[in-house]
Amino acid sequence: MTALQVRAPANDGGLLVEPAPGMVAGQIAANSQRLTGWEHDFQGRRASRLRAQVRREVLTSARSFLTRHGLYGSAVDLGMPLSGVLGWG
């Protein structure tokens, strides 16, 4: 891990995004590729099974939060690639 110096956006309501929005999809793909071959056993549970479970739980929680606050209206297929869930693919 490398420490990163960041500054809050100068504009009120501005967003700080790291990596830059144009690089996020590529970073997700690279991370996914890197994890594809990694299988570790966590007390009898394979990493791939845990990743799928965590993904479902995170997307379900995010959908619930956004719906509760009136920010989300469409259904998400929890089996689709993350790039599709985020509207990048």
N, C-alpha and C. Protein backbone atom coordinates (compact mmCIF):
# COMPACT_ATOMS: atom_id res chain seq x y z
N MET A 1 0.83 -1.17 0.00
CA MET A 1 0.00 0.00 0.00
C MET A 1 0.88 1.24 0.00
N THR A 2 0.43 2.23 -0.72
CA THR A 2 1.18 3.47 -0.81
C THR A 2 0.33 4.61 -0.27
N ALA A 3 0.93 5.42 0.59
CA ALA A 3 0.21 6.58 1.12
C ALA A 3 -0.06 7.56 0.00
N LEU A 4 -1.20 8.18 0.03
CA LEU A 4 -1.60 9.10 -1.02
C LEU A 4 -2.02 10.42 -0.41
N GLN A 5 -1.43 11.50 -0.88
CA GLN A 5 -1.81 12.83 -0.41
C GLN A 5 -3.00 13.30 -1.23
N VAL A 6 -4.09 13.64 -0.58
CA VAL A 6 -5.27 14.13 -1.28
C VAL A 6 -5.73 15.42 -0.62
N ARG A 7 -6.46 16.21 -1.37
CA ARG A 7 -7.04 17.45 -0.85
C ARG A 7 -8.53 17.42 -1.08
N ALA A 8 -9.24 18.00 -0.17
CA ALA A 8 -10.69 18.10 -0.33
C ALA A 8 -10.99 18.97 -1.54
N PRO A 9 -12.06 18.67 -2.26
CA PRO A 9 -12.43 19.49 -3.43
C PRO A 9 -12.66 20.95 -3.02
N ALA A 10 -12.25 21.86 -3.88
CA ALA A 10 -12.40 23.29 -3.60
C ALA A 10 -13.85 23.74 -3.70
N ASN A 11 -14.64 23.08 -4.53
CA ASN A 11 -16.04 23.47 -4.72
C ASN A 11 -16.93 22.83 -3.67
N ASP A 12 -17.88 23.60 -3.17
CA ASP A 12 -18.85 23.07 -2.22
C ASP A 12 -19.63 21.95 -2.89
N GLY A 13 -19.69 20.79 -2.26
CA GLY A 13 -20.40 19.65 -2.82
C GLY A 13 -19.58 18.86 -3.83
N GLY A 14 -18.31 19.24 -4.02
CA GLY A 14 -17.45 18.53 -4.96
C GLY A 14 -17.13 17.14 -4.47
N LEU A 15 -16.74 16.26 -5.38
CA LEU A 15 -16.41 14.89 -5.05
C LEU A 15 -14.91 14.64 -5.18
N LEU A 16 -14.39 13.83 -4.29
CA LEU A 16 -13.01 13.38 -4.37
C LEU A 16 -13.07 11.91 -4.76
N VAL A 17 -12.53 11.59 -5.92
CA VAL A 17 -12.57 10.22 -6.42
C VAL A 17 -11.14 9.78 -6.73
N GLU A 18 -10.74 8.67 -6.14
CA GLU A 18 -9.40 8.12 -6.38
C GLU A 18 -9.52 6.62 -6.52
N PRO A 19 -9.12 6.01 -7.61
CA PRO A 19 -8.50 6.65 -8.77
C PRO A 19 -9.51 7.48 -9.55
N ALA A 20 -9.02 8.22 -10.52
CA ALA A 20 -9.87 9.08 -11.34
C ALA A 20 -11.01 8.25 -11.95
N PRO A 21 -12.19 8.83 -12.11
CA PRO A 21 -13.34 8.09 -12.63
C PRO A 21 -13.06 7.29 -13.90
N GLY A 22 -12.25 7.82 -14.79
CA GLY A 22 -11.94 7.10 -16.02
C GLY A 22 -11.08 5.87 -15.82
N MET A 23 -10.49 5.72 -14.65
CA MET A 23 -9.60 4.60 -14.37
C MET A 23 -10.25 3.53 -13.49
N VAL A 24 -11.41 3.82 -12.93
CA VAL A 24 -12.04 2.91 -11.97
C VAL A 24 -12.38 1.56 -12.58
N ALA A 25 -13.01 1.57 -13.75
CA ALA A 25 -13.41 0.30 -14.39
C ALA A 25 -12.19 -0.57 -14.65
N GLY A 26 -11.10 0.02 -15.14
CA GLY A 26 -9.88 -0.75 -15.39
C GLY A 26 -9.28 -1.30 -14.11
N GLN A 27 -9.34 -0.53 -13.03
CA GLN A 27 -8.81 -1.00 -11.75
C GLN A 27 -9.64 -2.16 -11.21
N ILE A 28 -10.96 -2.07 -11.36
CA ILE A 28 -11.83 -3.17 -10.92
C ILE A 28 -11.52 -4.43 -11.72
N ALA A 29 -11.35 -4.29 -13.03
CA ALA A 29 -11.02 -5.45 -13.88
C ALA A 29 -9.68 -6.05 -13.47
N ALA A 30 -8.68 -5.20 -13.22
CA ALA A 30 -7.36 -5.70 -12.82
C ALA A 30 -7.44 -6.42 -11.47
N ASN A 31 -8.18 -5.85 -10.53
CA ASN A 31 -8.31 -6.51 -9.22
C ASN A 31 -9.04 -7.84 -9.35
N SER A 32 -10.07 -7.87 -10.17
CA SER A 32 -10.82 -9.10 -10.38
C SER A 32 -9.93 -10.18 -10.98
N GLN A 33 -9.15 -9.80 -11.99
CA GLN A 33 -8.23 -10.74 -12.63
C GLN A 33 -7.20 -11.26 -11.63
N ARG A 34 -6.68 -10.39 -10.81
CA ARG A 34 -5.67 -10.77 -9.81
C ARG A 34 -6.25 -11.77 -8.80
N LEU A 35 -7.51 -11.59 -8.44
CA LEU A 35 -8.13 -12.47 -7.45
C LEU A 35 -8.64 -13.79 -8.03
N THR A 36 -8.79 -13.85 -9.35
CA THR A 36 -9.35 -15.04 -10.00
C THR A 36 -8.61 -16.32 -9.61
N GLY A 37 -7.31 -16.28 -9.63
CA GLY A 37 -6.53 -17.47 -9.33
C GLY A 37 -6.22 -17.69 -7.86
N TRP A 38 -6.67 -16.79 -7.01
CA TRP A 38 -6.33 -16.89 -5.59
C TRP A 38 -7.42 -17.64 -4.84
N GLU A 39 -7.07 -18.78 -4.31
CA GLU A 39 -8.01 -19.58 -3.51
C GLU A 39 -7.36 -19.86 -2.17
N HIS A 40 -7.93 -19.33 -1.14
CA HIS A 40 -7.44 -19.58 0.21
C HIS A 40 -8.58 -20.21 0.99
N ASP A 41 -8.24 -21.05 1.91
CA ASP A 41 -9.24 -21.69 2.75
C ASP A 41 -9.32 -20.94 4.08
N PHE A 42 -10.47 -20.35 4.33
CA PHE A 42 -10.72 -19.65 5.59
C PHE A 42 -11.60 -20.52 6.47
N GLN A 43 -10.98 -21.32 7.29
CA GLN A 43 -11.69 -22.22 8.20
C GLN A 43 -12.77 -23.03 7.48
N GLY A 44 -12.36 -23.64 6.38
CA GLY A 44 -13.26 -24.52 5.64
C GLY A 44 -14.09 -23.83 4.58
N ARG A 45 -13.90 -22.55 4.40
CA ARG A 45 -14.64 -21.82 3.35
C ARG A 45 -13.65 -21.26 2.34
N ARG A 46 -13.85 -21.60 1.08
CA ARG A 46 -12.97 -21.13 0.02
C ARG A 46 -13.19 -19.65 -0.24
N ALA A 47 -12.11 -18.96 -0.63
CA ALA A 47 -12.17 -17.52 -0.89
C ALA A 47 -13.23 -17.17 -1.93
N SER A 48 -13.36 -17.98 -2.99
CA SER A 48 -14.34 -17.67 -4.04
C SER A 48 -15.76 -17.68 -3.49
N ARG A 49 -16.05 -18.62 -2.61
CA ARG A 49 -17.39 -18.68 -2.00
C ARG A 49 -17.63 -17.46 -1.10
N LEU A 50 -16.62 -17.10 -0.33
CA LEU A 50 -16.76 -15.94 0.55
C LEU A 50 -16.90 -14.65 -0.26
N ARG A 51 -16.14 -14.52 -1.37
CA ARG A 51 -16.26 -13.33 -2.21
C ARG A 51 -17.68 -13.18 -2.74
N ALA A 52 -18.26 -14.27 -3.21
CA ALA A 52 -19.62 -14.23 -3.74
C ALA A 52 -20.61 -13.83 -2.65
N GLN A 53 -20.44 -14.37 -1.47
CA GLN A 53 -21.33 -14.05 -0.35
C GLN A 53 -21.20 -12.58 0.05
N VAL A 54 -19.97 -12.10 0.16
CA VAL A 54 -19.75 -10.70 0.54
C VAL A 54 -20.33 -9.77 -0.53
N ARG A 55 -20.12 -10.12 -1.80
CA ARG A 55 -20.65 -9.30 -2.90
C ARG A 55 -22.17 -9.17 -2.79
N ARG A 56 -22.84 -10.30 -2.59
CA ARG A 56 -24.31 -10.27 -2.45
C ARG A 56 -24.73 -9.40 -1.28
N GLU A 57 -24.06 -9.56 -0.14
CA GLU A 57 -24.43 -8.79 1.05
C GLU A 57 -24.17 -7.30 0.88
N VAL A 58 -23.05 -6.94 0.25
CA VAL A 58 -22.74 -5.52 0.04
C VAL A 58 -23.75 -4.89 -0.92
N LEU A 59 -24.04 -5.56 -2.04
CA LEU A 59 -24.99 -5.00 -2.99
C LEU A 59 -26.39 -4.92 -2.41
N THR A 60 -26.79 -5.90 -1.63
CA THR A 60 -28.10 -5.87 -0.98
C THR A 60 -28.18 -4.71 0.01
N SER A 61 -27.14 -4.53 0.80
CA SER A 61 -27.12 -3.43 1.77
C SER A 61 -27.11 -2.07 1.06
N ALA A 62 -26.33 -1.95 0.00
CA ALA A 62 -26.27 -0.70 -0.75
C ALA A 62 -27.63 -0.38 -1.36
N ARG A 63 -28.27 -1.40 -1.96
CA ARG A 63 -29.58 -1.19 -2.55
C ARG A 63 -30.58 -0.76 -1.49
N SER A 64 -30.55 -1.38 -0.34
CA SER A 64 -31.46 -1.03 0.76
C SER A 64 -31.24 0.41 1.21
N PHE A 65 -29.98 0.80 1.37
CA PHE A 65 -29.66 2.17 1.79
C PHE A 65 -30.17 3.18 0.77
N LEU A 66 -29.84 2.95 -0.51
CA LEU A 66 -30.25 3.89 -1.55
C LEU A 66 -31.76 3.97 -1.70
N THR A 67 -32.43 2.83 -1.60
CA THR A 67 -33.89 2.81 -1.70
C THR A 67 -34.51 3.56 -0.53
N ARG A 68 -33.99 3.34 0.66
CA ARG A 68 -34.49 4.00 1.87
C ARG A 68 -34.40 5.52 1.75
N HIS A 69 -33.43 5.99 1.01
CA HIS A 69 -33.21 7.43 0.87
C HIS A 69 -33.72 7.97 -0.47
N GLY A 70 -34.49 7.15 -1.18
CA GLY A 70 -35.10 7.58 -2.43
C GLY A 70 -34.12 7.82 -3.57
N LEU A 71 -32.99 7.15 -3.52
CA LEU A 71 -31.95 7.37 -4.54
C LEU A 71 -31.80 6.22 -5.51
N TYR A 72 -32.63 5.21 -5.40
CA TYR A 72 -32.44 4.01 -6.22
C TYR A 72 -33.80 3.47 -6.62
N GLY A 73 -33.98 3.21 -7.91
CA GLY A 73 -35.29 2.74 -8.33
C GLY A 73 -35.28 1.48 -9.15
N SER A 74 -34.13 1.08 -9.72
CA SER A 74 -34.13 -0.09 -10.60
C SER A 74 -33.57 -1.32 -9.89
N ALA A 75 -34.00 -2.48 -10.36
CA ALA A 75 -33.53 -3.74 -9.78
C ALA A 75 -32.12 -4.03 -10.28
N VAL A 76 -31.33 -4.66 -9.45
CA VAL A 76 -29.97 -5.06 -9.82
C VAL A 76 -29.89 -6.57 -9.77
N ASP A 77 -29.34 -7.16 -10.82
CA ASP A 77 -29.09 -8.59 -10.86
C ASP A 77 -27.81 -8.84 -10.07
N LEU A 78 -27.92 -9.48 -8.91
CA LEU A 78 -26.76 -9.67 -8.04
C LEU A 78 -25.71 -10.59 -8.65
N GLY A 79 -26.04 -11.25 -9.76
CA GLY A 79 -25.08 -12.12 -10.42
C GLY A 79 -24.32 -11.44 -11.54
N MET A 80 -24.73 -10.23 -11.92
CA MET A 80 -24.06 -9.56 -13.04
C MET A 80 -22.71 -9.03 -12.60
N PRO A 81 -21.80 -8.83 -13.56
CA PRO A 81 -20.49 -8.27 -13.22
C PRO A 81 -20.65 -6.91 -12.57
N LEU A 82 -19.74 -6.57 -11.67
CA LEU A 82 -19.83 -5.31 -10.95
C LEU A 82 -19.85 -4.13 -11.89
N SER A 83 -19.14 -4.21 -13.02
CA SER A 83 -19.14 -3.10 -13.98
C SER A 83 -20.55 -2.84 -14.49
N GLY A 84 -21.35 -3.88 -14.65
CA GLY A 84 -22.74 -3.71 -15.09
C GLY A 84 -23.59 -3.14 -14.00
N VAL A 85 -23.36 -3.55 -12.76
CA VAL A 85 -24.11 -3.03 -11.62
C VAL A 85 -23.88 -1.53 -11.50
N LEU A 86 -22.65 -1.10 -11.75
CA LEU A 86 -22.30 0.30 -11.61
C LEU A 86 -22.58 1.10 -12.88
N GLY A 87 -23.04 0.43 -13.95
CA GLY A 87 -23.37 1.10 -15.18
C GLY A 87 -22.17 1.38 -16.07
N TRP A 88 -21.09 0.63 -15.90
CA TRP A 88 -19.89 0.83 -16.71
C TRP A 88 -19.77 -0.16 -17.85
N GLY A 89 -20.65 -1.15 -17.89
CA GLY A 89 -20.43 -2.19 -18.90
C GLY A 89 -21.59 -2.47 -19.76
